[in-house]
Amino acid sequence: MRPARVSVRRGVRDKERVHMDSGQSQQYVIVELGAEKHAMAISDIHEIIKMQKITEVPDDRPFLKGVTNLRGKIMPVISLRNRFGLEEAEAERKTRIVVVRHGEEMVGIIVDGVSQVTRFSEIQPSSDIVSGLDGQFFAGIGRTEEGFIGILHIEHILTGTETSERQ
């Protein structure tokens, strides 16, 4: 029996959908950055791939790591650690690239790992003070049996302004 493939092939056609509507109907993928856990809406994710070779490109945005080849298409790749002002870590076996659709192109987001798919029992809007990060990067806070998890606002992560390094 073949293991299940970790790939989500849903588009982001319904960009205006509000994630606060019902946490129970929306599924989220839990991604890891060190000891921190965050959630991404499955509807935002095109697929999840293993870490692969990234070619650096000149750019003044430090979170843009470079580009990679995704089935013959050039795809920009960003580091979520760097975007949040965290220290970069070496890629490990569980490091993944979460591929999301941004406008007409695919963009890869490097995370330390992907742990599970979940639904939240409750979702509340985020405030400006979420884990010490800019509130613009969060669409809300989801509640699970294990506690609270910040729900990432992918559009703002890809287009928002720079964040300062964490203390």
Foldseek 3Di string as FASTA:
>chain_A
DDDDFFFQQAACPPVVDACQPFLQVWKWWWFAAPPAIATETSNFFRGKAWDDDFDADDDPQVQFRHWDADPNDIETEGEPCVQQQHDDDDADRAWMWTWGDDPPGIYTYITNHIDDMDGANHWDAFDCPDVNGGSQQFSTWGQDPVGIHTYGDVNCSVDPDGTHHDD
